[in-house]
Every structure is written in structure tokens, then in C-alpha cells.
Amino acid sequence: MFDFHIHIARLPQKKQLTKLLLERNYDFIAVSCEPWEWEEVAQLKKEFSTEVKPFKVTYGIHPMIATQVTRHTLAQLRKNLEDDEHAMVGEAGIDKRYPGYDDGTQDQIFLAQAGLALELKRDLQIHCVGDYMHVLKLLEEAGFKASQGQDLPSREAPRPIFHRFGGDANFVKKALPFGALFSLHEDSFRKKSTAAALSLIPESNVFFETDADESFLEPAELIEELEGRLESVRCSYAKCRE
């Protein structure tokens, strides 16, 4: 089991849950979206990461708080990333449901994080509820480059990761030259246009996620639910590939 996007810090009894997940060999990336969450995942990593089993984390600014971001917030984000050379950037992105979407504020906060990803050579976890093609334009503006012709994207270049992917075939074709990875959630199969696009993505560029961020279950019960949700995504993906 590898959960490519889960909000451990937002789940109940996070320390006990983390311990049980690791004991069950349930691997994951602990994604964080705002300063309080950065502190939580950093502490969990300190407590649970080992050389044999590194604790994978991200630090980012979700568009839901884009209008609250200050220079201090961005400086704090940089410090977290510099202190952890293996951390991804994100969850960053745009979301039409939150303030700052129409006036460009979300764009500017996203560009700042995309710039950090390039500078520090980190993959970028992207949240998009809105215009996927606009996100590609922002990536290009930040300096992400698409490979040309038959050339494969450089393995050293940071990769955009489209979390809880919901785009269509046209977007997939445009995003793959950037080395894009696609993280699939149960919601990714609800739109016919997204499900139809998945066969265009090389299997090496596909991952599965729960995006779990709240629950009333006890840790042992929650793990069973998480495993079931991941397996459901895996099965849905397999059907799309048939």
C-alpha cells in the first residue's frame, strides 16, 4: 500500500495512527497545507522516520489560505523545505471555491511555490479545482519546461504532481511533456472525461491516494478504511486500463 497523498496531521490520534500504519507497511506521503500542519508533520517525521523507512512529507500553501499569506509565511515555508532536503513542495494550486482565485492572489502564491520547487529541485504536489490548462500556463511562467519531440523529461527536473486528478485527455497530452505525475482518487473516476484519459498515462506516472483529512474512527478502524479506499482506486484504475 502506498498512499500518495494523505493529511496525517488532520486525522485523529495521529501518532498512534502513524505507528500502526508503519507497522502495517502502509506507506504514504504526509501532505501539509498551512503552517500549523507543517509543524505537525515535521514532528511526526522527527519521531518516526528511520534510514530504513524514511517518513515522506510535503510542505505547501493550499489556495484556501492564499489571501492570508504574508512574506513571513513564505519565508517559513522556505525554511521548512531547506531543513528537509527530501520534502516535496505542496499542496499548492488554485481553487475557484476560495478567495483570491479571480484577482490573481492564488496565482501569485502558486508561482512562489513553483519557483521554490524549481530552485530546490523538489516535486510539486498540485491542487486544482478550476482551469487545469491555466495551471500549466503558470508552471511555464514559473520556469517549468516541457520536453520537445520524442525527448523524455529530465529525471533531475522537478515534476508537477496533479493530486486528485480530474482533467481530460487534452490536458494529459499537454502535461506529460512536463514529466507530470497523476495521483488518482476515488473522485477521479466520476467524470467520464477523466476516466477516459487515464489510459493515455504511462503506468509509471500513476499513483493512488486517499486524500484523507478527517475521520471519527479509531486508528485501527481507520486503517481498514484507508486500505479499502486505496484498493478501490486501484481496482477502478485497472478497469480503465482493460
Protein backbone atom coordinates (compact mmCIF):
# COMPACT_ATOMS: atom_id res chain seq x y z
CA MET A 1 0.00 0.00 0.00
CA PHE A 2 1.33 3.43 -0.97
CA ASP A 3 -0.94 6.40 -0.27
CA PHE A 4 0.46 9.21 -2.41
CA HIS A 5 -1.48 11.98 -0.65
CA ILE A 6 -2.81 11.84 2.90
CA HIS A 7 -3.22 14.50 5.60
CA ILE A 8 -1.94 12.62 8.62
CA ALA A 9 -1.77 15.79 10.73
CA ARG A 10 -5.51 16.36 10.27
CA LEU A 11 -6.53 12.85 11.31
CA PRO A 12 -7.38 11.83 14.90
CA GLN A 13 -4.76 10.29 17.20
CA LYS A 14 -2.12 10.97 14.55
CA LYS A 15 0.80 9.49 16.48
CA GLN A 16 -0.95 6.22 17.19
CA LEU A 17 -2.25 6.14 13.62
CA THR A 18 1.21 6.73 12.16
CA LYS A 19 2.71 3.98 14.31
CA LEU A 20 0.04 1.50 13.21
CA LEU A 21 0.33 2.48 9.54
CA LEU A 22 4.07 1.90 9.57
CA GLU A 23 3.62 -1.44 11.34
CA ARG A 24 1.16 -2.46 8.59
CA ASN A 25 3.64 -1.43 5.86
CA TYR A 26 1.15 1.17 4.68
CA ASP A 27 3.49 3.68 3.04
CA PHE A 28 2.39 7.26 2.47
CA ILE A 29 3.29 10.88 1.79
CA ALA A 30 2.17 13.13 4.64
CA VAL A 31 0.95 16.27 2.89
CA SER A 32 0.68 19.61 4.69
CA CYS A 33 -1.13 22.74 3.54
CA GLU A 34 -0.58 25.50 6.09
CA PRO A 35 1.85 26.46 8.89
CA TRP A 36 0.25 24.57 11.78
CA GLU A 37 0.20 21.43 9.65
CA TRP A 38 3.88 21.88 8.69
CA GLU A 39 4.79 21.78 12.37
CA GLU A 40 2.77 18.61 12.93
CA VAL A 41 4.26 16.63 10.03
CA ALA A 42 7.77 17.83 10.88
CA GLN A 43 7.33 16.50 14.42
CA LEU A 44 5.91 13.20 13.16
CA LYS A 45 8.87 12.83 10.82
CA LYS A 46 11.26 13.52 13.68
CA GLU A 47 9.62 10.81 15.77
CA PHE A 48 9.03 8.12 13.16
CA SER A 49 11.49 8.48 10.29
CA THR A 50 14.32 5.95 10.02
CA GLU A 51 17.04 5.28 7.46
CA VAL A 52 15.30 2.03 6.55
CA LYS A 53 11.87 3.66 6.23
CA PRO A 54 12.07 7.43 5.65
CA PHE A 55 8.99 9.44 6.56
CA LYS A 56 7.87 11.26 3.40
CA VAL A 57 6.40 14.75 3.77
CA THR A 58 5.42 17.85 1.84
CA TYR A 59 5.23 21.49 2.88
CA GLY A 60 2.98 23.84 0.97
CA ILE A 61 0.35 26.56 0.95
CA HIS A 62 -3.13 25.49 -0.11
CA PRO A 63 -5.16 28.01 -2.13
CA MET A 64 -7.76 28.05 0.66
CA ILE A 65 -5.38 30.31 2.66
CA ALA A 66 -3.77 32.19 -0.25
CA THR A 67 -5.21 35.55 0.81
CA GLN A 68 -3.80 35.12 4.34
CA VAL A 69 -0.19 34.55 3.22
CA THR A 70 2.49 37.04 4.24
CA ARG A 71 6.20 37.34 3.50
CA HIS A 72 6.80 35.64 6.82
CA THR A 73 4.66 32.67 5.71
CA LEU A 74 6.70 32.27 2.54
CA ALA A 75 9.97 32.62 4.47
CA GLN A 76 8.80 29.96 6.92
CA LEU A 77 7.88 27.66 4.04
CA ARG A 78 11.34 28.07 2.52
CA LYS A 79 12.98 27.25 5.85
CA ASN A 80 10.95 24.07 6.26
CA LEU A 81 11.95 22.93 2.77
CA GLU A 82 15.60 23.83 3.25
CA ASP A 83 15.68 21.99 6.58
CA ASP A 84 14.33 18.82 4.92
CA GLU A 85 16.13 18.14 1.65
CA HIS A 86 13.76 15.29 0.77
CA ALA A 87 10.45 17.11 1.27
CA MET A 88 8.19 17.87 -1.69
CA VAL A 89 6.58 21.27 -2.21
CA GLY A 90 2.81 21.49 -1.87
CA GLU A 91 -0.06 21.12 -1.65
CA ALA A 92 -0.09 24.22 -3.84
CA GLY A 93 -2.56 25.21 -6.50
CA ILE A 94 -5.69 27.08 -7.49
CA ASP A 95 -9.28 26.61 -6.39
CA LYS A 96 -12.24 28.58 -7.70
CA ARG A 97 -14.15 27.97 -4.44
CA TYR A 98 -11.81 30.17 -2.37
CA PRO A 99 -10.92 33.88 -2.24
CA GLY A 100 -8.06 35.01 -4.44
CA TYR A 101 -8.98 32.93 -7.48
CA ASP A 102 -10.32 35.77 -9.62
CA ASP A 103 -7.94 38.54 -8.57
CA GLY A 104 -4.70 36.60 -9.15
CA THR A 105 -3.72 36.17 -5.50
CA GLN A 106 -3.85 32.38 -5.74
CA ASP A 107 -1.75 32.56 -8.93
CA GLN A 108 0.98 34.53 -7.16
CA ILE A 109 1.15 32.16 -4.19
CA PHE A 110 1.27 29.21 -6.58
CA LEU A 111 4.06 30.83 -8.62
CA ALA A 112 6.08 31.40 -5.45
CA GLN A 113 5.85 27.71 -4.58
CA ALA A 114 6.56 26.55 -8.13
CA GLY A 115 9.66 28.74 -8.03
CA LEU A 116 10.78 27.07 -4.80
CA ALA A 117 10.24 23.65 -6.36
CA LEU A 118 12.50 24.58 -9.27
CA GLU A 119 15.13 26.25 -7.13
CA LEU A 120 15.34 23.41 -4.61
CA LYS A 121 14.72 20.65 -7.20
CA ARG A 122 11.63 19.24 -5.48
CA ASP A 123 8.50 17.69 -6.94
CA LEU A 124 5.39 19.85 -6.64
CA GLN A 125 2.04 18.49 -5.36
CA ILE A 126 -0.69 20.45 -7.15
CA HIS A 127 -4.31 21.02 -6.18
CA CYS A 128 -6.61 22.18 -8.97
CA VAL A 129 -10.31 22.95 -8.79
CA GLY A 130 -10.81 25.14 -11.82
CA ASP A 131 -8.82 25.51 -15.02
CA TYR A 132 -6.18 22.81 -15.44
CA MET A 133 -4.75 24.48 -18.54
CA HIS A 134 -4.25 27.65 -16.52
CA VAL A 135 -2.09 25.67 -14.09
CA LEU A 136 0.12 24.58 -16.99
CA LYS A 137 0.50 28.21 -18.05
CA LEU A 138 1.52 29.11 -14.51
CA LEU A 139 4.08 26.29 -14.45
CA GLU A 140 5.60 27.62 -17.67
CA GLU A 141 5.61 31.13 -16.24
CA ALA A 142 7.46 29.84 -13.19
CA GLY A 143 10.08 28.17 -15.41
CA PHE A 144 8.93 24.56 -15.76
CA LYS A 145 9.86 23.32 -19.21
CA ALA A 146 8.24 20.73 -21.44
CA SER A 147 10.39 18.25 -23.31
CA GLN A 148 10.46 18.57 -27.08
CA GLY A 149 9.56 15.91 -29.63
CA GLN A 150 10.46 12.40 -28.51
CA ASP A 151 12.79 13.58 -25.75
CA LEU A 152 11.89 12.38 -22.27
CA PRO A 153 11.74 14.92 -19.43
CA SER A 154 14.92 15.09 -17.39
CA ARG A 155 14.85 12.86 -14.31
CA GLU A 156 16.57 15.66 -12.38
CA ALA A 157 13.84 18.20 -13.14
CA PRO A 158 11.10 18.73 -10.54
CA ARG A 159 7.88 17.05 -11.58
CA PRO A 160 4.38 18.50 -11.27
CA ILE A 161 2.08 16.07 -9.48
CA PHE A 162 -1.61 16.51 -10.18
CA HIS A 163 -3.26 15.38 -6.98
CA ARG A 164 -6.84 14.04 -7.00
CA PHE A 165 -6.60 14.33 -10.77
CA GLY A 166 -9.73 15.45 -12.60
CA GLY A 167 -8.53 16.62 -16.02
CA ASP A 168 -9.25 15.33 -19.51
CA ALA A 169 -7.31 13.71 -22.36
CA ASN A 170 -6.22 17.02 -23.87
CA PHE A 171 -4.71 18.08 -20.57
CA VAL A 172 -2.92 14.75 -20.10
CA LYS A 173 -1.27 15.14 -23.52
CA LYS A 174 -0.16 18.69 -22.65
CA ALA A 175 1.08 17.79 -19.17
CA LEU A 176 3.08 14.63 -19.90
CA PRO A 177 5.96 16.51 -21.62
CA PHE A 178 6.49 18.28 -18.28
CA GLY A 179 7.13 14.91 -16.66
CA ALA A 180 3.79 15.12 -14.87
CA LEU A 181 2.66 12.51 -12.37
CA PHE A 182 -1.02 11.86 -11.75
CA SER A 183 -2.35 10.93 -8.32
CA LEU A 184 -5.74 9.24 -8.57
CA HIS A 185 -8.53 9.40 -6.02
CA GLU A 186 -11.95 7.77 -5.96
CA ASP A 187 -13.29 11.04 -7.41
CA SER A 188 -11.00 10.70 -10.45
CA PHE A 189 -13.34 8.09 -11.91
CA ARG A 190 -16.59 10.02 -11.54
CA LYS A 191 -16.07 12.17 -14.63
CA LYS A 192 -16.21 10.23 -17.87
CA SER A 193 -13.68 12.57 -19.48
CA THR A 194 -11.12 11.89 -16.73
CA ALA A 195 -11.64 8.12 -16.69
CA ALA A 196 -11.26 8.03 -20.47
CA ALA A 197 -7.99 9.96 -20.26
CA LEU A 198 -6.25 7.59 -17.83
CA SER A 199 -5.26 5.05 -20.48
CA LEU A 200 -3.08 7.77 -22.06
CA ILE A 201 -0.90 8.00 -18.97
CA PRO A 202 2.09 5.63 -18.65
CA GLU A 203 1.57 3.40 -15.63
CA SER A 204 4.87 4.63 -14.20
CA ASN A 205 3.32 8.11 -13.91
CA VAL A 206 0.23 6.97 -12.00
CA PHE A 207 -0.18 6.79 -8.22
CA PHE A 208 -3.12 6.28 -5.86
CA GLU A 209 -4.30 8.35 -2.91
CA THR A 210 -6.98 8.66 -0.26
CA ASP A 211 -6.58 12.41 0.42
CA ALA A 212 -7.89 11.51 3.89
CA ASP A 213 -8.11 14.56 6.14
CA GLU A 214 -10.86 13.83 8.66
CA SER A 215 -12.43 10.87 10.40
CA PHE A 216 -14.31 9.89 13.53
CA LEU A 217 -12.87 6.37 13.50
CA GLU A 218 -10.33 4.93 15.91
CA PRO A 219 -6.88 4.36 14.31
CA ALA A 220 -7.27 0.59 13.80
CA GLU A 221 -10.65 1.04 12.12
CA LEU A 222 -9.40 3.99 10.08
CA ILE A 223 -6.54 1.93 8.69
CA GLU A 224 -9.01 -0.66 7.44
CA GLU A 225 -10.98 2.12 5.74
CA LEU A 226 -7.86 3.64 4.17
CA GLU A 227 -6.73 0.30 2.81
CA GLY A 228 -10.18 -0.30 1.37
CA ARG A 229 -10.26 3.12 -0.29
CA LEU A 230 -6.83 2.64 -1.85
CA GLU A 231 -7.78 -0.79 -3.13
CA SER A 232 -10.96 0.68 -4.61
CA VAL A 233 -8.92 3.25 -6.53
CA ARG A 234 -6.53 0.58 -7.71
CA CYS A 235 -9.38 -1.60 -8.99
CA SER A 236 -11.10 1.31 -10.74
CA TYR A 237 -7.83 2.16 -12.46
CA ALA A 238 -7.34 -1.44 -13.57
CA LYS A 239 -10.79 -1.44 -15.17
CA CYS A 240 -9.93 1.74 -17.09
CA ARG A 241 -6.83 0.01 -18.46
CA GLU A 242 -8.71 -3.07 -19.69
